[in-house]
Amino acid sequence: MRWPGFLLLPLLLIACTDTQAPIDQQPLFDIDNGPAQSGIVVRDGAVTAFSFGDFASGQRVTFGTFDEEYCAGILDFDEIIWADKVLPLKLFRLNSLNKMDDVRTTVWPFTAFDCDLFTTVEPVARGTSDLIYIDNDVFISENPNVNSYGVSAHGALAWTADGSPANLSFHVRIVEKKDGTLLSFNQKLSLK
């Protein structure tokens, strides 16, 4: 007496295959071009730069500016856009998704953030990359969770020595308790 179930299975599979909304009913925006506010999401942008020393590789990577210009007092940063989501919980909690496209990127042969080095040593590679920064609890709320945040970037750079292509992959992920106790730290800079 199992045959009625087998007969209904093809009907169920057919009914579940077309679950996508028609094109005219899909949102026509994403993080780049969405409205400033849409429900619990707030979108905006600003200019910024990030710089990370990677002790495993012995290098430093900077996103969003050229360090030599920064050290000369030229504050020229690339644009970052974000979509912040205010979660409807008892206690205020803010999730954030941040994105930078074609951001200026430089890799240096040292880990220190040192203007004397930035202005006297040649970088290893330079070019542009795309960067994503995420944070699950920007202001470290009183909600019972851990704070997880990090940056990932991929880009097409050029070796300074000969101008040949150099592929960049970088990430840093941090997980910590509300009191700042570090639970996990993972960082890797790869330049090939």
Protein backbone atom coordinates (compact mmCIF):
# COMPACT_ATOMS: atom_id res chain seq x y z
CA MET A 1 0.00 0.00 0.00
CA ARG A 2 2.95 2.35 -0.44
CA TRP A 3 2.23 3.13 -4.09
CA PRO A 4 0.03 6.25 -3.38
CA GLY A 5 3.03 7.88 -1.72
CA PHE A 6 5.24 7.15 -4.72
CA LEU A 7 2.63 8.59 -7.05
CA LEU A 8 2.51 11.84 -5.06
CA LEU A 9 6.30 12.24 -4.93
CA PRO A 10 6.65 13.39 -8.59
CA LEU A 11 3.90 15.96 -8.01
CA LEU A 12 5.71 17.27 -4.94
CA LEU A 13 9.00 17.53 -6.83
CA ILE A 14 7.36 19.42 -9.69
CA ALA A 15 5.63 21.80 -7.28
CA CYS A 16 8.91 22.61 -5.49
CA THR A 17 11.14 23.16 -8.54
CA ASP A 18 9.99 26.69 -9.38
CA THR A 19 10.49 28.61 -6.13
CA GLN A 20 12.09 31.75 -7.54
CA ALA A 21 10.00 34.91 -7.66
CA PRO A 22 9.24 36.28 -11.12
CA ILE A 23 11.81 38.81 -12.33
CA ASP A 24 9.38 41.71 -12.04
CA GLN A 25 8.86 40.88 -8.33
CA GLN A 26 12.53 40.52 -7.33
CA PRO A 27 14.35 43.37 -5.56
CA LEU A 28 16.19 45.61 -8.01
CA PHE A 29 18.86 46.60 -5.50
CA ASP A 30 21.67 45.16 -3.43
CA ILE A 31 24.26 46.62 -1.05
CA ASP A 32 25.56 48.92 -3.80
CA ASN A 33 22.34 50.62 -4.86
CA GLY A 34 19.70 49.90 -2.22
CA PRO A 35 17.57 52.55 -0.57
CA ALA A 36 19.07 54.30 2.47
CA GLN A 37 16.53 52.54 4.68
CA SER A 38 14.47 49.45 4.03
CA GLY A 39 12.89 48.05 7.16
CA ILE A 40 15.59 47.11 9.65
CA VAL A 41 18.45 47.73 7.18
CA VAL A 42 20.28 51.07 6.93
CA ARG A 43 22.73 51.66 4.06
CA ASP A 44 25.36 54.35 3.75
CA GLY A 45 28.98 54.93 2.86
CA ALA A 46 32.11 56.82 3.83
CA VAL A 47 35.83 56.77 3.12
CA THR A 48 38.32 54.68 5.07
CA ALA A 49 41.48 52.58 4.95
CA PHE A 50 42.64 49.37 6.64
CA SER A 51 46.17 48.13 7.33
CA PHE A 52 47.20 44.75 8.75
CA GLY A 53 50.58 43.34 9.73
CA ASP A 54 50.82 39.61 9.02
CA PHE A 55 53.55 38.10 11.18
CA ALA A 56 53.38 34.67 9.52
CA SER A 57 54.38 36.12 6.13
CA GLY A 58 56.44 39.01 7.53
CA GLN A 59 54.41 41.46 5.42
CA ARG A 60 51.89 44.29 5.85
CA VAL A 61 48.91 44.91 3.58
CA THR A 62 47.10 48.24 3.32
CA PHE A 63 43.71 48.77 1.70
CA GLY A 64 42.16 52.11 0.75
CA THR A 65 45.12 54.46 0.55
CA PHE A 66 48.76 54.65 -0.43
CA ASP A 67 50.86 54.67 2.75
CA GLU A 68 53.48 57.01 1.29
CA GLU A 69 50.79 59.64 0.65
CA TYR A 70 49.28 59.12 4.09
CA CYS A 71 52.71 59.62 5.69
CA ALA A 72 53.12 62.85 3.69
CA GLY A 73 49.84 64.15 5.17
CA ILE A 74 47.65 63.41 2.15
CA LEU A 75 44.42 61.95 3.54
CA ASP A 76 42.95 60.33 0.44
CA PHE A 77 40.90 57.22 1.28
CA ASP A 78 38.74 54.89 -0.81
CA GLU A 79 34.98 54.52 -0.40
CA ILE A 80 33.37 51.84 1.74
CA ILE A 81 29.65 51.14 1.60
CA TRP A 82 27.69 49.28 4.22
CA ALA A 83 24.36 47.74 5.04
CA ASP A 84 23.72 47.69 8.79
CA LYS A 85 20.93 45.54 10.16
CA VAL A 86 19.37 46.47 13.50
CA LEU A 87 18.07 43.19 14.88
CA PRO A 88 14.65 43.33 16.55
CA LEU A 89 15.76 41.96 19.92
CA LYS A 90 15.13 43.20 23.46
CA LEU A 91 18.68 44.50 23.60
CA PHE A 92 20.09 46.60 20.75
CA ARG A 93 22.29 44.60 18.36
CA LEU A 94 23.73 45.76 15.06
CA ASN A 95 25.03 43.47 12.29
CA SER A 96 27.13 45.09 9.57
CA LEU A 97 28.15 44.12 6.04
CA ASN A 98 30.76 46.43 4.49
CA LYS A 99 32.15 46.37 0.97
CA MET A 100 34.95 48.09 -0.95
CA ASP A 101 35.43 47.50 -4.69
CA ASP A 102 38.64 48.20 -6.64
CA VAL A 103 40.31 49.49 -3.49
CA ARG A 104 43.95 50.58 -3.69
CA THR A 105 46.08 47.82 -2.17
CA THR A 106 49.77 47.68 -1.24
CA VAL A 107 51.82 44.85 0.25
CA TRP A 108 55.01 45.76 2.14
CA PRO A 109 58.01 43.56 3.09
CA PHE A 110 57.65 44.35 6.84
CA THR A 111 54.89 44.15 9.48
CA ALA A 112 55.26 47.51 11.26
CA PHE A 113 53.08 50.53 10.49
CA ASP A 114 56.06 52.88 10.17
CA CYS A 115 56.21 56.02 8.00
CA ASP A 116 60.01 55.87 7.93
CA LEU A 117 59.73 52.47 6.23
CA PHE A 118 56.79 53.45 3.97
CA THR A 119 58.80 56.36 2.56
CA THR A 120 62.14 54.57 2.11
CA VAL A 121 61.35 50.92 1.26
CA GLU A 122 59.76 49.71 -1.98
CA PRO A 123 56.50 47.78 -1.60
CA VAL A 124 56.44 44.12 -2.66
CA ALA A 125 53.31 44.53 -4.79
CA ARG A 126 50.62 47.08 -5.58
CA GLY A 127 47.24 47.14 -7.34
CA THR A 128 43.55 46.88 -6.50
CA SER A 129 41.38 44.41 -4.67
CA ASP A 130 37.81 43.86 -3.49
CA LEU A 131 37.28 43.81 0.26
CA ILE A 132 34.44 42.64 2.52
CA TYR A 133 34.22 43.46 6.24
CA ILE A 134 31.56 41.77 8.38
CA ASP A 135 30.65 42.15 12.04
CA ASN A 136 27.85 40.24 13.78
CA ASP A 137 27.61 42.64 16.76
CA VAL A 138 29.23 46.01 16.06
CA PHE A 139 28.74 47.59 19.50
CA ILE A 140 29.16 44.32 21.45
CA SER A 141 25.64 44.26 22.85
CA GLU A 142 24.47 42.56 26.03
CA ASN A 143 22.86 39.78 23.98
CA PRO A 144 24.08 36.28 24.87
CA ASN A 145 26.39 35.77 21.93
CA VAL A 146 30.03 36.05 20.96
CA ASN A 147 31.31 38.85 18.77
CA SER A 148 32.59 37.65 15.39
CA TYR A 149 34.10 39.98 12.82
CA GLY A 150 36.66 40.02 10.06
CA VAL A 151 37.94 41.15 6.70
CA SER A 152 38.53 39.22 3.50
CA ALA A 153 40.05 40.56 0.30
CA HIS A 154 41.08 39.28 -3.11
CA GLY A 155 42.84 41.24 -5.79
CA ALA A 156 45.02 41.44 -8.85
CA LEU A 157 48.24 43.23 -7.94
CA ALA A 158 51.55 43.61 -9.74
CA TRP A 159 54.96 42.70 -8.35
CA THR A 160 56.92 45.92 -7.88
CA ALA A 161 60.16 44.27 -9.06
CA ASP A 162 59.01 43.45 -12.61
CA GLY A 163 55.33 44.40 -13.00
CA SER A 164 54.20 40.80 -13.48
CA PRO A 165 50.80 39.74 -12.05
CA ALA A 166 50.52 38.90 -8.36
CA ASN A 167 47.30 37.46 -6.92
CA LEU A 168 46.41 38.59 -3.42
CA SER A 169 44.28 36.66 -0.96
CA PHE A 170 43.88 37.97 2.58
CA HIS A 171 41.61 37.28 5.50
CA VAL A 172 41.44 37.95 9.22
CA ARG A 173 38.68 36.45 11.41
CA ILE A 174 38.27 37.25 15.09
CA VAL A 175 35.84 35.71 17.58
CA GLU A 176 35.72 37.04 21.13
CA LYS A 177 33.51 37.09 24.19
CA LYS A 178 31.65 40.23 25.24
CA ASP A 179 34.36 40.90 27.85
CA GLY A 180 37.05 40.92 25.14
CA THR A 181 38.39 37.42 25.81
CA LEU A 182 39.79 36.16 22.51
CA LEU A 183 38.29 32.83 21.45
CA SER A 184 39.69 32.60 17.92
CA PHE A 185 42.08 34.58 15.73
CA ASN A 186 42.84 33.47 12.18
CA GLN A 187 44.77 35.58 9.69
CA LYS A 188 46.50 34.79 6.41
CA LEU A 189 48.09 36.87 3.69
CA SER A 190 48.94 35.07 0.47
CA LEU A 191 50.62 36.73 -2.51
CA LYS A 192 51.39 34.54 -5.54
